[in-house]
Every structure is written in structure tokens, then in C-alpha cells.
N, C-alpha and C. Protein backbone atom coordinates (compact mmCIF):
# COMPACT_ATOMS: atom_id res chain seq x y z
N UNK A 1 0.85 -1.17 0.00
CA UNK A 1 0.00 0.00 0.00
C UNK A 1 0.89 1.23 0.00
N UNK A 2 0.52 2.22 -0.78
CA UNK A 2 1.30 3.47 -0.87
C UNK A 2 1.41 4.17 0.47
N UNK A 3 0.38 4.04 1.30
CA UNK A 3 0.42 4.69 2.61
C UNK A 3 1.55 4.13 3.46
N UNK A 4 1.83 2.84 3.35
CA UNK A 4 2.93 2.24 4.10
C UNK A 4 4.26 2.86 3.71
N UNK A 5 4.44 3.09 2.43
CA UNK A 5 5.67 3.72 1.94
C UNK A 5 5.78 5.14 2.46
N UNK A 6 4.68 5.86 2.48
CA UNK A 6 4.68 7.23 2.98
C UNK A 6 5.04 7.29 4.46
N UNK A 7 4.48 6.39 5.25
CA UNK A 7 4.77 6.36 6.69
C UNK A 7 6.23 6.01 6.91
N UNK A 8 6.74 5.02 6.19
CA UNK A 8 8.15 4.67 6.32
C UNK A 8 9.04 5.85 5.95
N UNK A 9 8.70 6.54 4.88
CA UNK A 9 9.49 7.70 4.47
C UNK A 9 9.49 8.78 5.55
N UNK A 10 8.35 9.02 6.18
CA UNK A 10 8.29 10.01 7.26
C UNK A 10 9.24 9.63 8.41
N UNK A 11 9.38 8.35 8.65
CA UNK A 11 10.21 7.89 9.76
C UNK A 11 11.70 7.90 9.45
N UNK A 12 12.08 7.65 8.19
CA UNK A 12 13.51 7.45 7.91
C UNK A 12 14.11 8.28 6.78
N UNK A 13 13.31 8.87 5.92
CA UNK A 13 13.86 9.55 4.75
C UNK A 13 14.80 10.68 5.16
N UNK A 14 16.01 10.63 4.61
CA UNK A 14 17.07 11.62 4.87
C UNK A 14 17.48 11.68 6.34
N UNK A 15 17.31 10.58 7.04
CA UNK A 15 17.71 10.49 8.44
C UNK A 15 18.75 9.38 8.59
N UNK A 16 19.58 9.51 9.58
CA UNK A 16 20.57 8.47 9.86
C UNK A 16 19.87 7.33 10.59
N UNK A 17 20.07 6.13 10.11
CA UNK A 17 19.50 4.95 10.75
C UNK A 17 20.62 3.96 11.07
N UNK A 18 20.35 3.11 12.05
CA UNK A 18 21.26 2.04 12.38
C UNK A 18 20.53 0.73 12.11
N UNK A 19 21.26 -0.23 11.56
CA UNK A 19 20.69 -1.54 11.28
C UNK A 19 21.22 -2.55 12.29
N UNK A 20 20.33 -3.35 12.82
CA UNK A 20 20.69 -4.44 13.72
C UNK A 20 20.37 -5.74 12.98
N UNK A 21 21.40 -6.37 12.39
CA UNK A 21 21.16 -7.58 11.60
C UNK A 21 20.49 -8.68 12.43
N UNK A 22 19.53 -9.37 11.81
CA UNK A 22 18.81 -10.46 12.46
C UNK A 22 19.09 -11.77 11.73
N UNK A 23 19.03 -11.75 10.39
CA UNK A 23 19.18 -12.98 9.62
C UNK A 23 19.41 -12.63 8.14
N UNK A 24 19.65 -13.66 7.35
CA UNK A 24 19.64 -13.57 5.89
C UNK A 24 18.43 -14.39 5.46
N UNK A 25 17.61 -13.86 4.54
CA UNK A 25 16.46 -14.64 4.10
C UNK A 25 16.87 -15.60 3.00
N UNK A 26 15.92 -16.35 2.49
CA UNK A 26 16.24 -17.38 1.49
C UNK A 26 16.75 -16.79 0.17
N UNK A 27 16.56 -15.49 -0.03
CA UNK A 27 17.07 -14.83 -1.24
C UNK A 27 18.38 -14.10 -0.95
N UNK A 28 18.97 -14.39 0.22
CA UNK A 28 20.24 -13.81 0.66
C UNK A 28 20.15 -12.32 0.94
N UNK A 29 18.95 -11.85 1.29
CA UNK A 29 18.77 -10.45 1.68
C UNK A 29 18.92 -10.32 3.19
N UNK A 30 19.44 -9.19 3.62
CA UNK A 30 19.60 -8.92 5.04
C UNK A 30 18.24 -8.62 5.68
N UNK A 31 17.94 -9.29 6.76
CA UNK A 31 16.77 -8.99 7.58
C UNK A 31 17.32 -8.28 8.81
N UNK A 32 16.82 -7.08 9.09
CA UNK A 32 17.39 -6.29 10.18
C UNK A 32 16.33 -5.46 10.87
N UNK A 33 16.62 -5.11 12.11
CA UNK A 33 15.83 -4.12 12.82
C UNK A 33 16.43 -2.76 12.46
N UNK A 34 15.57 -1.81 12.22
CA UNK A 34 16.01 -0.47 11.84
C UNK A 34 15.74 0.47 12.99
N UNK A 35 16.77 1.20 13.40
CA UNK A 35 16.64 2.17 14.49
C UNK A 35 16.93 3.57 13.94
N UNK A 36 16.07 4.50 14.27
CA UNK A 36 16.31 5.91 13.95
C UNK A 36 16.30 6.62 15.30
N UNK A 37 17.50 6.87 15.80
CA UNK A 37 17.60 7.40 17.16
C UNK A 37 17.08 6.35 18.12
N UNK A 38 16.20 6.75 19.02
CA UNK A 38 15.62 5.83 20.01
C UNK A 38 14.45 5.01 19.45
N UNK A 39 13.99 5.38 18.27
CA UNK A 39 12.82 4.73 17.67
C UNK A 39 13.21 3.44 16.95
N UNK A 40 12.54 2.34 17.27
CA UNK A 40 12.70 1.11 16.50
C UNK A 40 11.64 1.16 15.39
N UNK A 41 12.09 1.42 14.19
CA UNK A 41 11.21 1.66 13.05
C UNK A 41 10.32 0.46 12.76
N UNK A 42 10.88 -0.74 12.82
CA UNK A 42 10.10 -1.95 12.54
C UNK A 42 8.88 -2.02 13.46
N UNK A 43 9.12 -1.86 14.76
CA UNK A 43 8.04 -1.94 15.74
C UNK A 43 7.02 -0.83 15.51
N UNK A 44 7.49 0.35 15.19
CA UNK A 44 6.58 1.48 14.97
C UNK A 44 5.65 1.22 13.79
N UNK A 45 6.19 0.66 12.71
CA UNK A 45 5.36 0.35 11.54
C UNK A 45 4.29 -0.69 11.89
N UNK A 46 4.66 -1.69 12.70
CA UNK A 46 3.69 -2.70 13.11
C UNK A 46 2.62 -2.07 14.00
N UNK A 47 3.04 -1.22 14.94
CA UNK A 47 2.09 -0.55 15.83
C UNK A 47 1.09 0.30 15.06
N UNK A 48 1.57 0.97 14.00
CA UNK A 48 0.71 1.85 13.21
C UNK A 48 -0.15 1.07 12.21
N UNK A 49 0.11 -0.23 12.09
CA UNK A 49 -0.68 -1.06 11.17
C UNK A 49 -0.17 -1.04 9.74
N UNK A 50 1.06 -0.63 9.53
CA UNK A 50 1.62 -0.57 8.18
C UNK A 50 2.66 -1.64 7.91
N UNK A 51 2.79 -2.60 8.83
CA UNK A 51 3.65 -3.76 8.62
C UNK A 51 3.09 -4.89 9.47
N UNK A 52 3.42 -6.11 9.07
CA UNK A 52 2.99 -7.29 9.80
C UNK A 52 4.15 -7.78 10.64
N UNK A 53 3.84 -8.45 11.73
CA UNK A 53 4.89 -9.06 12.56
C UNK A 53 5.51 -10.21 11.78
N UNK A 54 6.81 -10.15 11.58
CA UNK A 54 7.52 -11.19 10.83
C UNK A 54 7.87 -12.33 11.79
N UNK A 55 6.93 -13.21 12.00
CA UNK A 55 7.07 -14.27 12.99
C UNK A 55 8.28 -15.17 12.72
N UNK A 56 8.62 -15.34 11.49
CA UNK A 56 9.74 -16.21 11.13
C UNK A 56 11.06 -15.73 11.74
N UNK A 57 11.21 -14.43 11.90
CA UNK A 57 12.48 -13.88 12.36
C UNK A 57 12.45 -13.40 13.81
N UNK A 58 11.37 -13.67 14.52
CA UNK A 58 11.26 -13.22 15.91
C UNK A 58 11.84 -14.26 16.86
N UNK A 59 12.51 -13.77 17.86
CA UNK A 59 12.92 -14.64 18.96
C UNK A 59 11.74 -14.72 19.92
N UNK A 60 11.70 -15.77 20.73
CA UNK A 60 10.56 -15.96 21.65
C UNK A 60 10.36 -14.77 22.58
N UNK A 61 11.46 -14.16 22.99
CA UNK A 61 11.35 -13.03 23.92
C UNK A 61 10.87 -11.76 23.22
N UNK A 62 10.69 -11.81 21.93
CA UNK A 62 10.27 -10.63 21.17
C UNK A 62 8.83 -10.73 20.70
N UNK A 63 7.96 -11.26 21.52
CA UNK A 63 6.57 -11.41 21.12
C UNK A 63 5.83 -10.08 21.08
N UNK A 64 6.52 -8.99 21.45
CA UNK A 64 5.88 -7.67 21.39
C UNK A 64 5.34 -7.37 20.00
N UNK A 65 6.06 -7.80 18.96
CA UNK A 65 5.60 -7.52 17.60
C UNK A 65 4.21 -8.10 17.37
N UNK A 66 3.96 -9.31 17.86
CA UNK A 66 2.64 -9.93 17.71
C UNK A 66 1.59 -9.15 18.50
N UNK A 67 1.98 -8.67 19.67
CA UNK A 67 1.07 -7.85 20.48
C UNK A 67 0.75 -6.55 19.76
N UNK A 68 1.78 -5.92 19.19
CA UNK A 68 1.57 -4.67 18.44
C UNK A 68 0.66 -4.90 17.25
N UNK A 69 0.87 -6.02 16.53
CA UNK A 69 0.04 -6.32 15.37
C UNK A 69 -1.41 -6.56 15.80
N UNK A 70 -1.60 -7.31 16.86
CA UNK A 70 -2.96 -7.60 17.34
C UNK A 70 -3.69 -6.31 17.72
N UNK A 71 -2.98 -5.39 18.36
CA UNK A 71 -3.59 -4.11 18.75
C UNK A 71 -3.96 -3.30 17.51
N UNK A 72 -3.09 -3.29 16.51
CA UNK A 72 -3.36 -2.55 15.27
C UNK A 72 -4.57 -3.17 14.55
N UNK A 73 -4.62 -4.50 14.51
CA UNK A 73 -5.77 -5.17 13.89
C UNK A 73 -7.07 -4.80 14.61
N UNK A 74 -7.03 -4.89 15.93
CA UNK A 74 -8.21 -4.60 16.75
C UNK A 74 -8.69 -3.16 16.53
N UNK A 75 -7.74 -2.23 16.43
CA UNK A 75 -8.09 -0.81 16.25
C UNK A 75 -8.31 -0.46 14.77
N UNK A 76 -8.10 -1.45 13.88
CA UNK A 76 -8.27 -1.26 12.43
C UNK A 76 -7.40 -0.10 11.92
N UNK A 77 -6.13 -0.11 12.35
CA UNK A 77 -5.17 0.90 11.89
C UNK A 77 -4.45 0.40 10.66
N UNK A 78 -4.04 1.34 9.82
CA UNK A 78 -3.22 1.01 8.65
C UNK A 78 -3.91 0.03 7.73
N UNK A 79 -3.18 -1.03 7.33
CA UNK A 79 -3.75 -2.01 6.39
C UNK A 79 -4.92 -2.77 6.99
N UNK A 80 -5.03 -2.79 8.29
CA UNK A 80 -6.10 -3.55 8.94
C UNK A 80 -7.46 -2.86 8.80
N UNK A 81 -7.49 -1.65 8.27
CA UNK A 81 -8.78 -1.00 8.03
C UNK A 81 -9.38 -1.50 6.71
N UNK A 82 -8.57 -2.19 5.91
CA UNK A 82 -9.03 -2.72 4.62
C UNK A 82 -9.73 -4.06 4.80
N UNK A 83 -10.56 -4.41 3.84
CA UNK A 83 -11.12 -5.76 3.83
C UNK A 83 -9.97 -6.71 3.50
N UNK A 84 -10.11 -8.00 3.82
CA UNK A 84 -9.00 -8.93 3.57
C UNK A 84 -8.50 -9.01 2.13
N UNK A 85 -9.35 -8.80 1.15
CA UNK A 85 -8.92 -8.92 -0.24
C UNK A 85 -7.79 -7.96 -0.62
N UNK A 86 -7.85 -6.65 -0.27
CA UNK A 86 -6.74 -5.78 -0.67
C UNK A 86 -5.50 -5.89 0.23
N UNK A 87 -5.61 -6.62 1.35
CA UNK A 87 -4.45 -6.77 2.22
C UNK A 87 -3.44 -7.69 1.53
N UNK A 88 -2.24 -7.20 1.35
CA UNK A 88 -1.19 -7.97 0.69
C UNK A 88 -0.13 -8.32 1.72
N UNK A 89 0.13 -9.60 1.88
CA UNK A 89 1.15 -10.03 2.84
C UNK A 89 2.52 -9.49 2.41
N UNK A 90 3.33 -9.14 3.39
CA UNK A 90 4.67 -8.61 3.04
C UNK A 90 5.53 -9.67 2.37
């Protein structure tokens, strides 16, 4: 969704970010947590409803992402305000 790109741009465009590597995916791409200052961008996008919790890359102690996603779904924020058909999995 274009709105997801806009929200991400507001958070990081022309700003210094730090990457915390988590894994390499099956296409050899880096999976990382993105920090902009004190803000964890990944978590913020999930909280706002513009990203899904990537369960595959979460450690057990990091279940906050699932909690953030559930709250966004419940509040119908971001992509969760759409009917299931236009929702596109990341």
C-alpha cells in the first residue's frame, strides 16, 4: 500500500539509521531491525498497522511484535482497516 511507503518515508527519509542484523532470508537479503535514534522503526510500523509481525524472524522473547500487530488489527489501523482482499502479505 502506498500509505505504508509514505509512513516509512516520514520515519527514515534523509535520516541516519542504524541496522541491527537479524538474519539472511532465502534470497540472501539482510533482515534487520532499523533504528532511527531511540525509535525502532520496525516496531513502529507494526504498531501503526503498516507492517505485519515477521514471525519467522522473531525470537521468543520478542513477542511484542505480535502484540503490536494484534492491537493494530483490533483498532483497524493502517492495512487492517481494509477488507482482507486488498491486504497484501509482506
